[in-house]
Amino acid sequence: MRQGASPLDLGLRNNLGQFLLLLLVNAFVGAMVGQERSILPLLAETDFHVLGRVALLSFIAVFGITKALTNYFAGRLSDRFGRKHVLVAGWLVAAPVPFLLIWAPTWNWILAANIFLGVSQGLTWSTTVIMKIDLVGPARRGLAMGLNEFSGYFAVAGSALATGWIAAHYGLRPQPFYLGIGYVAFGLLLSLLAVRETRHHVAHEIRVHHESTSSSTLTQGEIFRKTSLSDPNLSSVSQVGLVNNLNDGMAWGLFPLLFAAKGMSLTQIGLLTAAYPAVWGISQIFTGAASDRIGRKGLIVGGMWLQAAGIGVTALAGSFPAFLGGALLLGLGTAMVYPTLLAAIGDVAHPSWRASAVGVYRLWRDLGYAVGALLAGFTADRFGPTAALWAVAALTFMSGLLAAFRMAETKRQPLS
């Protein structure tokens, strides 16, 4: 690194202040999702008397579809209008969510809250990912994504644990959702007053690290096709991301009900639903950095297979320690995959269309929430929750197998 680094210089150290600020903002983004994880499946049965697993898991499907579609447009909007504007807009959309959850007289209000939450998450989380990639440049991309996903999913775990504890002591509503009001207030103020725009870092990276090539002038249709189907690395990343969130959607909706059916208390359910994202969050610090050293592919394939094992353990479990063991395996496997997929996109995509490629990937990835919720709901209604877990475990294993055959190592190939 040259002497007298300017604000335009790339790298984690050169942009540490803004990077840490974005980690804090992303923690509030993750906490918004965490406030629902311990509570909504139980709330559906006790307060709204929702019958059938498909109907009960509809809030996850609504969340996943709206977040997925918003992810796609978030990348394009951030290129067109700037990252900060999209981030602030995401927090404004989040403002009604805790109030809808507190005051909801019918289940449809909960679905409306999750539409707002999905749009907000698509705008805010996508933008913080893009901004961090902008800041750090190519050298430490895996570490940056590991830290980003750590901040978000450790906050998911902390919020799930906190709302579970509050629910156990004060009831399922309204007290647990008061936290969401604070998350929105702090996230919006930080984004509005302290976060700086990062688009100029992209121009600097192109100027310093890339030659001008035809790959930098792709249309949106070409980017969508490359990321979804035609490029074996980018499309492998997209399918793994979809299946990864498919099993997360299943875990979000079915795990609290499964734990309750096996006699776990509200406090134990809160601990178990927090353990999986906590391990996922913390471990990403190390797995993201490891992908910079040992490459992306092995972590992606191995992580999917470890997730399948964790789901299988949960399907067989009947006690708190066994459920905890399954959650730990699932969390570690997800940590191996999540930041590595984002880093792989950064390896392959040209900076000029990288934000759009991230948006396409996150479109497919978060559609996994809807697919997972619907698949788990239909299978659980017809064959029981255990059969749903085994079906998702099999899909997760097959996703890793497909990536093993189709994907190349992206860390060692030249950027294009």
Protein backbone atom coordinates (compact mmCIF):
# COMPACT_ATOMS: atom_id res chain seq x y z
CA MET A 1 0.00 0.00 0.00
CA ARG A 2 1.42 3.38 -0.97
CA GLN A 3 2.11 6.19 1.47
CA GLY A 4 -0.41 8.97 1.94
CA ALA A 5 -3.52 6.87 1.30
CA SER A 6 -6.45 8.91 0.07
CA PRO A 7 -10.11 8.42 1.01
CA LEU A 8 -10.55 6.70 -2.36
CA ASP A 9 -8.06 3.96 -1.55
CA LEU A 10 -9.49 0.47 -1.21
CA GLY A 11 -8.91 -1.86 1.70
CA LEU A 12 -10.29 -2.69 5.10
CA ARG A 13 -7.73 -0.66 7.03
CA ASN A 14 -8.09 2.45 4.86
CA ASN A 15 -11.86 2.45 5.28
CA LEU A 16 -12.11 0.99 8.78
CA GLY A 17 -14.34 3.70 10.24
CA GLN A 18 -17.02 3.42 7.57
CA PHE A 19 -16.69 -0.37 7.51
CA LEU A 20 -17.32 -0.64 11.26
CA LEU A 21 -20.25 1.76 10.97
CA LEU A 22 -21.79 -0.41 8.25
CA LEU A 23 -21.32 -3.47 10.48
CA LEU A 24 -23.33 -1.72 13.19
CA VAL A 25 -26.04 -0.72 10.73
CA ASN A 26 -26.25 -4.29 9.46
CA ALA A 27 -26.61 -5.53 13.03
CA PHE A 28 -29.78 -3.48 13.36
CA VAL A 29 -30.93 -4.88 9.99
CA GLY A 30 -30.46 -8.45 11.25
CA ALA A 31 -32.11 -7.69 14.57
CA MET A 32 -35.30 -6.71 12.72
CA VAL A 33 -35.60 -10.29 11.46
CA GLY A 34 -34.51 -11.78 14.78
CA GLN A 35 -37.45 -10.25 16.64
CA GLU A 36 -39.76 -12.65 14.74
CA ARG A 37 -37.83 -15.92 14.84
CA SER A 38 -38.77 -17.13 18.32
CA ILE A 39 -42.28 -15.72 18.39
CA LEU A 40 -44.29 -15.61 15.16
CA PRO A 41 -44.81 -19.38 14.65
CA LEU A 42 -46.09 -19.63 18.24
CA LEU A 43 -48.11 -16.42 17.90
CA ALA A 44 -49.83 -17.83 14.80
CA GLU A 45 -51.18 -20.77 16.79
CA THR A 46 -51.98 -19.09 20.12
CA ASP A 47 -53.30 -15.62 19.13
CA PHE A 48 -54.56 -16.12 15.58
CA HIS A 49 -55.42 -19.85 15.63
CA VAL A 50 -53.91 -20.43 12.19
CA LEU A 51 -54.57 -24.00 11.08
CA GLY A 52 -52.23 -25.98 8.84
CA ARG A 53 -48.51 -25.62 8.39
CA VAL A 54 -48.80 -24.03 4.92
CA ALA A 55 -51.01 -21.23 6.25
CA LEU A 56 -48.84 -20.82 9.32
CA LEU A 57 -45.65 -20.54 7.28
CA SER A 58 -47.22 -18.06 4.87
CA PHE A 59 -45.51 -15.17 6.67
CA ILE A 60 -42.10 -16.60 5.70
CA ALA A 61 -43.18 -17.10 2.09
CA VAL A 62 -44.43 -13.50 1.88
CA PHE A 63 -41.20 -12.25 3.45
CA GLY A 64 -39.02 -14.33 1.12
CA ILE A 65 -40.77 -13.31 -2.10
CA THR A 66 -40.80 -9.59 -1.32
CA LYS A 67 -37.20 -9.63 -0.11
CA ALA A 68 -36.05 -11.59 -3.15
CA LEU A 69 -37.67 -9.23 -5.63
CA THR A 70 -36.39 -6.19 -3.74
CA ASN A 71 -32.86 -7.63 -3.71
CA TYR A 72 -32.87 -7.69 -7.49
CA PHE A 73 -33.90 -4.07 -7.79
CA ALA A 74 -31.69 -2.94 -4.89
CA GLY A 75 -28.54 -3.68 -6.88
CA ARG A 76 -29.80 -1.75 -9.89
CA LEU A 77 -31.12 1.14 -7.79
CA SER A 78 -27.86 1.44 -5.87
CA ASP A 79 -25.96 1.74 -9.16
CA ARG A 80 -28.37 4.35 -10.44
CA PHE A 81 -29.15 6.48 -7.38
CA GLY A 82 -26.35 5.64 -4.97
CA ARG A 83 -25.97 3.17 -2.12
CA LYS A 84 -26.81 5.56 0.72
CA HIS A 85 -30.16 6.65 -0.74
CA VAL A 86 -31.26 3.03 -1.07
CA LEU A 87 -30.12 2.25 2.48
CA VAL A 88 -32.08 5.15 3.97
CA ALA A 89 -35.16 4.20 1.93
CA GLY A 90 -34.94 0.68 3.34
CA TRP A 91 -35.11 1.95 6.90
CA LEU A 92 -38.08 4.17 6.12
CA VAL A 93 -39.94 1.11 4.77
CA ALA A 94 -39.11 -0.77 7.99
CA ALA A 95 -40.72 1.86 10.24
CA PRO A 96 -44.28 0.39 10.24
CA VAL A 97 -43.16 -3.20 10.94
CA PRO A 98 -43.03 -3.28 14.78
CA PHE A 99 -46.29 -1.35 15.06
CA LEU A 100 -48.09 -3.77 12.71
CA LEU A 101 -46.79 -6.72 14.76
CA ILE A 102 -47.91 -5.09 18.01
CA TRP A 103 -51.38 -4.00 16.91
CA ALA A 104 -52.29 -6.78 14.44
CA PRO A 105 -55.94 -7.86 14.95
CA THR A 106 -55.76 -10.54 12.22
CA TRP A 107 -53.13 -12.74 10.57
CA ASN A 108 -53.34 -10.60 7.43
CA TRP A 109 -51.73 -7.74 9.38
CA ILE A 110 -48.80 -10.05 10.14
CA LEU A 111 -48.50 -10.83 6.43
CA ALA A 112 -48.55 -7.09 5.66
CA ALA A 113 -45.81 -6.51 8.24
CA ASN A 114 -43.68 -9.14 6.53
CA ILE A 115 -44.17 -7.50 3.15
CA PHE A 116 -42.74 -4.29 4.61
CA LEU A 117 -40.01 -6.28 6.36
CA GLY A 118 -39.05 -8.12 3.15
CA VAL A 119 -38.78 -4.91 1.14
CA SER A 120 -36.78 -3.26 3.92
CA GLN A 121 -34.39 -6.20 4.26
CA GLY A 122 -33.86 -6.34 0.51
CA LEU A 123 -32.91 -2.67 0.39
CA THR A 124 -30.84 -2.43 3.58
CA TRP A 125 -28.97 -5.75 3.70
CA SER A 126 -28.20 -5.79 -0.02
CA THR A 127 -26.86 -2.25 0.17
CA THR A 128 -24.61 -2.88 3.18
CA VAL A 129 -23.17 -5.91 1.35
CA ILE A 130 -22.51 -3.88 -1.79
CA MET A 131 -20.97 -1.00 0.16
CA LYS A 132 -18.55 -3.26 2.01
CA ILE A 133 -17.47 -4.92 -1.24
CA ASP A 134 -16.94 -1.42 -2.67
CA LEU A 135 -14.73 -0.40 0.25
CA VAL A 136 -12.42 -3.38 0.70
CA GLY A 137 -11.45 -4.17 -2.90
CA PRO A 138 -10.39 -7.63 -4.11
CA ALA A 139 -7.79 -8.64 -1.52
CA ARG A 140 -9.88 -9.19 1.65
CA ARG A 141 -13.31 -9.78 0.18
CA GLY A 142 -13.95 -13.05 2.04
CA LEU A 143 -13.06 -11.52 5.40
CA ALA A 144 -15.27 -8.50 4.66
CA MET A 145 -18.26 -10.69 3.82
CA GLY A 146 -17.63 -12.85 6.87
CA LEU A 147 -17.68 -9.78 9.11
CA ASN A 148 -20.78 -8.45 7.35
CA GLU A 149 -22.76 -11.65 7.76
CA PHE A 150 -21.46 -12.07 11.32
CA SER A 151 -22.86 -8.70 12.31
CA GLY A 152 -26.24 -9.41 10.75
CA TYR A 153 -26.78 -12.98 11.91
CA PHE A 154 -25.28 -12.58 15.37
CA ALA A 155 -27.82 -9.79 15.76
CA VAL A 156 -30.54 -12.15 14.49
CA ALA A 157 -29.54 -14.55 17.26
CA GLY A 158 -29.33 -11.88 19.95
CA SER A 159 -32.70 -10.46 19.01
CA ALA A 160 -34.30 -13.92 18.89
CA LEU A 161 -32.89 -14.70 22.33
CA ALA A 162 -34.01 -11.35 23.75
CA THR A 163 -37.54 -11.56 22.37
CA GLY A 164 -37.83 -15.18 23.53
CA TRP A 165 -36.85 -14.16 27.05
CA ILE A 166 -39.25 -11.19 27.03
CA ALA A 167 -42.06 -13.41 25.73
CA ALA A 168 -41.43 -15.98 28.47
CA HIS A 169 -41.72 -13.29 31.15
CA TYR A 170 -44.28 -10.84 29.74
CA GLY A 171 -46.18 -12.63 26.95
CA LEU A 172 -45.93 -12.95 23.18
CA ARG A 173 -47.27 -9.42 22.56
CA PRO A 174 -46.66 -6.49 22.68
CA GLN A 175 -43.47 -6.25 24.78
CA PRO A 176 -41.08 -8.31 22.56
CA PHE A 177 -41.73 -6.04 19.58
CA TYR A 178 -40.84 -2.83 21.40
CA LEU A 179 -37.24 -3.71 20.54
CA GLY A 180 -38.06 -3.31 16.84
CA ILE A 181 -38.96 0.35 17.34
CA GLY A 182 -35.48 0.98 18.70
CA TYR A 183 -33.82 -0.97 15.89
CA VAL A 184 -35.52 1.19 13.26
CA ALA A 185 -34.74 4.44 15.05
CA PHE A 186 -31.03 3.75 15.48
CA GLY A 187 -30.58 2.17 12.04
CA LEU A 188 -32.25 5.09 10.27
CA LEU A 189 -30.33 7.77 12.18
CA LEU A 190 -26.95 6.12 11.57
CA SER A 191 -27.70 5.60 7.87
CA LEU A 192 -28.94 9.14 7.40
CA LEU A 193 -26.32 11.03 9.41
CA ALA A 194 -23.11 8.96 9.39
CA VAL A 195 -22.94 6.54 6.44
CA ARG A 196 -21.13 7.88 3.34
CA GLU A 197 -21.67 7.00 -0.32
CA THR A 198 -19.28 4.38 -1.78
CA ARG A 199 -19.93 4.49 -5.54
CA HIS A 200 -16.72 6.45 -6.10
CA HIS A 201 -14.75 3.49 -4.70
CA VAL A 202 -16.09 1.36 -7.56
CA ALA A 203 -14.74 3.80 -10.16
CA HIS A 204 -11.39 3.78 -8.34
CA GLU A 205 -11.26 -0.05 -8.32
CA ILE A 206 -12.00 -0.23 -12.06
CA ARG A 207 -9.29 2.35 -12.77
CA VAL A 208 -6.63 0.65 -10.62
CA HIS A 209 -7.38 -3.08 -10.87
CA HIS A 210 -9.14 -3.68 -14.18
CA GLU A 211 -8.50 -3.20 -17.83
CA SER A 212 -11.39 -1.97 -19.95
CA THR A 213 -13.07 -5.02 -21.51
CA SER A 214 -16.38 -5.88 -23.11
CA SER A 215 -17.37 -7.70 -19.92
CA SER A 216 -17.78 -4.30 -18.25
CA THR A 217 -20.63 -3.28 -20.55
CA LEU A 218 -23.21 -6.03 -20.04
CA THR A 219 -26.92 -5.31 -20.22
CA GLN A 220 -29.20 -6.14 -17.30
CA GLY A 221 -30.55 -9.11 -19.26
CA GLU A 222 -27.05 -10.46 -19.84
CA ILE A 223 -26.18 -10.05 -16.17
CA PHE A 224 -29.35 -11.89 -15.16
CA ARG A 225 -28.65 -14.78 -17.55
CA LYS A 226 -24.98 -15.08 -16.51
CA THR A 227 -25.78 -15.07 -12.80
CA SER A 228 -28.79 -17.37 -13.12
CA LEU A 229 -27.84 -19.91 -15.79
CA SER A 230 -25.01 -19.46 -18.26
CA ASP A 231 -21.95 -18.81 -16.09
CA PRO A 232 -21.22 -22.08 -14.22
CA ASN A 233 -19.70 -20.31 -11.23
CA LEU A 234 -22.26 -17.54 -10.80
CA SER A 235 -25.22 -19.84 -11.44
CA SER A 236 -23.81 -22.41 -8.98
CA VAL A 237 -23.59 -19.67 -6.39
CA SER A 238 -27.23 -18.78 -7.10
CA GLN A 239 -28.57 -22.34 -6.76
CA VAL A 240 -26.60 -22.98 -3.56
CA GLY A 241 -27.88 -19.71 -2.13
CA LEU A 242 -31.48 -20.67 -2.94
CA VAL A 243 -31.19 -24.07 -1.25
CA ASN A 244 -29.33 -22.60 1.72
CA ASN A 245 -32.20 -20.21 2.41
CA LEU A 246 -34.70 -22.94 1.63
CA ASN A 247 -33.48 -24.84 4.67
CA ASP A 248 -33.32 -21.62 6.70
CA GLY A 249 -36.97 -20.91 5.83
CA MET A 250 -37.84 -24.43 6.99
CA ALA A 251 -35.88 -23.93 10.23
CA TRP A 252 -37.48 -20.55 10.89
CA GLY A 253 -41.00 -21.90 10.54
CA LEU A 254 -40.84 -25.51 11.75
CA PHE A 255 -38.14 -25.59 14.40
CA PRO A 256 -40.05 -23.61 17.10
CA LEU A 257 -43.13 -25.81 16.55
CA LEU A 258 -41.05 -29.00 16.57
CA PHE A 259 -39.28 -27.95 19.77
CA ALA A 260 -42.61 -27.10 21.43
CA ALA A 261 -44.11 -30.45 20.38
CA LYS A 262 -41.13 -32.21 21.99
CA GLY A 263 -41.79 -30.46 25.32
CA MET A 264 -39.31 -27.60 25.19
CA SER A 265 -40.19 -24.50 27.24
CA LEU A 266 -40.38 -20.97 25.76
CA THR A 267 -36.96 -20.22 27.25
CA GLN A 268 -35.48 -23.38 25.72
CA ILE A 269 -37.11 -22.60 22.36
CA GLY A 270 -35.57 -19.12 22.50
CA LEU A 271 -32.13 -20.60 23.23
CA LEU A 272 -32.40 -23.17 20.43
CA THR A 273 -33.67 -20.71 17.83
CA ALA A 274 -30.85 -18.34 18.82
CA ALA A 275 -28.11 -21.00 18.82
CA TYR A 276 -28.26 -21.70 15.08
CA PRO A 277 -27.88 -18.06 13.89
CA ALA A 278 -25.41 -17.35 16.72
CA VAL A 279 -23.01 -20.08 15.56
CA TRP A 280 -23.69 -19.04 11.97
CA GLY A 281 -22.91 -15.42 12.79
CA ILE A 282 -19.78 -15.88 14.90
CA SER A 283 -18.20 -18.55 12.71
CA GLN A 284 -18.43 -16.39 9.60
CA ILE A 285 -15.60 -14.20 10.88
CA PHE A 286 -13.32 -17.22 10.49
CA THR A 287 -14.88 -18.94 7.46
CA GLY A 288 -14.92 -15.74 5.42
CA ALA A 289 -11.25 -15.12 6.13
CA ALA A 290 -10.45 -18.78 5.47
CA SER A 291 -11.99 -18.53 2.01
CA ASP A 292 -9.43 -15.84 1.16
CA ARG A 293 -6.65 -18.33 1.95
CA ILE A 294 -7.94 -21.77 0.94
CA GLY A 295 -10.50 -20.84 -1.71
CA ARG A 296 -14.26 -20.74 -2.01
CA LYS A 297 -15.41 -24.05 -3.51
CA GLY A 298 -14.45 -26.45 -0.71
CA LEU A 299 -16.16 -24.35 1.92
CA ILE A 300 -19.32 -24.04 -0.17
CA VAL A 301 -19.63 -27.77 -0.92
CA GLY A 302 -18.60 -28.91 2.56
CA GLY A 303 -20.87 -26.36 4.19
CA MET A 304 -23.94 -27.63 2.34
CA TRP A 305 -23.19 -31.20 3.36
CA LEU A 306 -22.69 -30.15 6.99
CA GLN A 307 -26.04 -28.35 6.91
CA ALA A 308 -27.70 -31.53 5.64
CA ALA A 309 -26.16 -33.42 8.56
CA GLY A 310 -27.41 -30.83 11.05
CA ILE A 311 -30.97 -31.06 9.73
CA GLY A 312 -30.77 -34.85 9.93
CA VAL A 313 -29.63 -34.70 13.57
CA THR A 314 -32.55 -32.39 14.36
CA ALA A 315 -34.98 -34.80 12.68
CA LEU A 316 -33.72 -37.63 14.90
CA ALA A 317 -33.48 -35.58 18.11
CA GLY A 318 -35.87 -35.62 21.04
CA SER A 319 -34.05 -33.76 23.80
CA PHE A 320 -32.56 -30.30 24.35
CA PRO A 321 -28.89 -31.42 24.00
CA ALA A 322 -29.64 -33.27 20.76
CA PHE A 323 -31.56 -30.34 19.31
CA LEU A 324 -28.67 -28.07 20.30
CA GLY A 325 -26.20 -30.35 18.52
CA GLY A 326 -28.25 -30.18 15.32
CA ALA A 327 -28.45 -26.39 15.58
CA LEU A 328 -24.67 -26.11 16.01
CA LEU A 329 -23.99 -28.25 12.92
CA LEU A 330 -26.52 -26.31 10.87
CA GLY A 331 -25.06 -22.99 12.00
CA LEU A 332 -21.47 -23.99 11.24
CA GLY A 333 -22.39 -25.35 7.82
CA THR A 334 -24.26 -22.16 6.96
CA ALA A 335 -21.28 -20.08 8.10
CA MET A 336 -19.03 -21.96 5.69
CA VAL A 337 -21.36 -21.11 2.79
CA TYR A 338 -22.89 -17.69 3.35
CA PRO A 339 -19.98 -15.23 3.17
CA THR A 340 -18.13 -17.43 0.70
CA LEU A 341 -20.92 -17.19 -1.87
CA LEU A 342 -20.80 -13.39 -1.78
CA ALA A 343 -17.01 -13.42 -2.03
CA ALA A 344 -17.23 -15.74 -5.05
CA ILE A 345 -19.50 -13.26 -6.83
CA GLY A 346 -16.94 -10.55 -6.12
CA ASP A 347 -14.25 -12.79 -7.64
CA VAL A 348 -16.14 -13.33 -10.88
CA ALA A 349 -18.22 -10.22 -11.55
CA HIS A 350 -16.71 -7.05 -13.02
CA PRO A 351 -17.04 -4.08 -10.62
CA SER A 352 -19.18 -2.18 -13.11
CA TRP A 353 -21.95 -4.83 -12.91
CA ARG A 354 -21.10 -6.45 -9.59
CA ALA A 355 -23.91 -4.74 -7.66
CA SER A 356 -26.44 -5.98 -10.20
CA ALA A 357 -24.99 -9.52 -10.01
CA VAL A 358 -25.28 -9.41 -6.22
CA GLY A 359 -28.90 -8.36 -6.67
CA VAL A 360 -29.63 -11.30 -9.00
CA TYR A 361 -27.92 -13.76 -6.63
CA ARG A 362 -29.86 -12.42 -3.67
CA LEU A 363 -33.09 -12.66 -5.71
CA TRP A 364 -32.58 -16.41 -6.11
CA ARG A 365 -31.17 -16.88 -2.62
CA ASP A 366 -34.09 -15.26 -0.81
CA LEU A 367 -36.68 -16.95 -2.99
CA GLY A 368 -35.41 -19.93 -1.01
CA TYR A 369 -37.31 -18.63 2.02
CA ALA A 370 -40.61 -18.91 0.13
CA VAL A 371 -39.73 -22.28 -1.45
CA GLY A 372 -38.60 -23.64 1.90
CA ALA A 373 -41.68 -22.43 3.76
CA LEU A 374 -44.08 -23.84 1.17
CA LEU A 375 -42.21 -27.13 0.74
CA ALA A 376 -41.88 -27.63 4.49
CA GLY A 377 -45.52 -26.67 5.04
CA PHE A 378 -46.96 -29.00 2.39
CA THR A 379 -44.72 -31.89 3.44
CA ALA A 380 -45.41 -31.39 7.16
CA ASP A 381 -49.18 -31.23 6.58
CA ARG A 382 -49.16 -34.40 4.48
CA PHE A 383 -46.43 -36.55 6.08
CA GLY A 384 -45.46 -34.80 9.32
CA PRO A 385 -42.69 -32.36 10.37
CA THR A 386 -39.99 -35.04 10.52
CA ALA A 387 -40.57 -35.97 6.87
CA ALA A 388 -40.27 -32.28 5.96
CA LEU A 389 -36.89 -32.11 7.68
CA TRP A 390 -35.59 -35.17 5.83
CA ALA A 391 -36.79 -33.82 2.48
CA VAL A 392 -34.97 -30.53 3.05
CA ALA A 393 -31.83 -32.37 4.24
CA ALA A 394 -31.79 -34.39 1.00
CA LEU A 395 -32.17 -31.27 -1.15
CA THR A 396 -29.36 -29.56 0.76
CA PHE A 397 -27.00 -32.50 0.22
CA MET A 398 -27.84 -32.62 -3.52
CA SER A 399 -27.19 -28.88 -3.86
CA GLY A 400 -23.68 -29.36 -2.51
CA LEU A 401 -23.13 -32.29 -4.84
CA LEU A 402 -24.21 -30.24 -7.86
CA ALA A 403 -21.82 -27.43 -6.89
CA ALA A 404 -19.00 -29.95 -6.48
CA PHE A 405 -19.38 -31.07 -10.11
CA ARG A 406 -20.29 -27.76 -11.78
CA MET A 407 -18.41 -25.01 -9.95
CA ALA A 408 -14.72 -24.15 -10.35
CA GLU A 409 -12.54 -22.50 -7.75
CA THR A 410 -13.10 -18.75 -8.16
CA LYS A 411 -10.44 -17.36 -5.82
CA ARG A 412 -7.53 -18.36 -8.05
CA GLN A 413 -8.97 -17.30 -11.39
CA PRO A 414 -8.28 -13.82 -12.75
CA LEU A 415 -10.98 -11.20 -12.33
CA SER A 416 -12.89 -10.50 -15.53
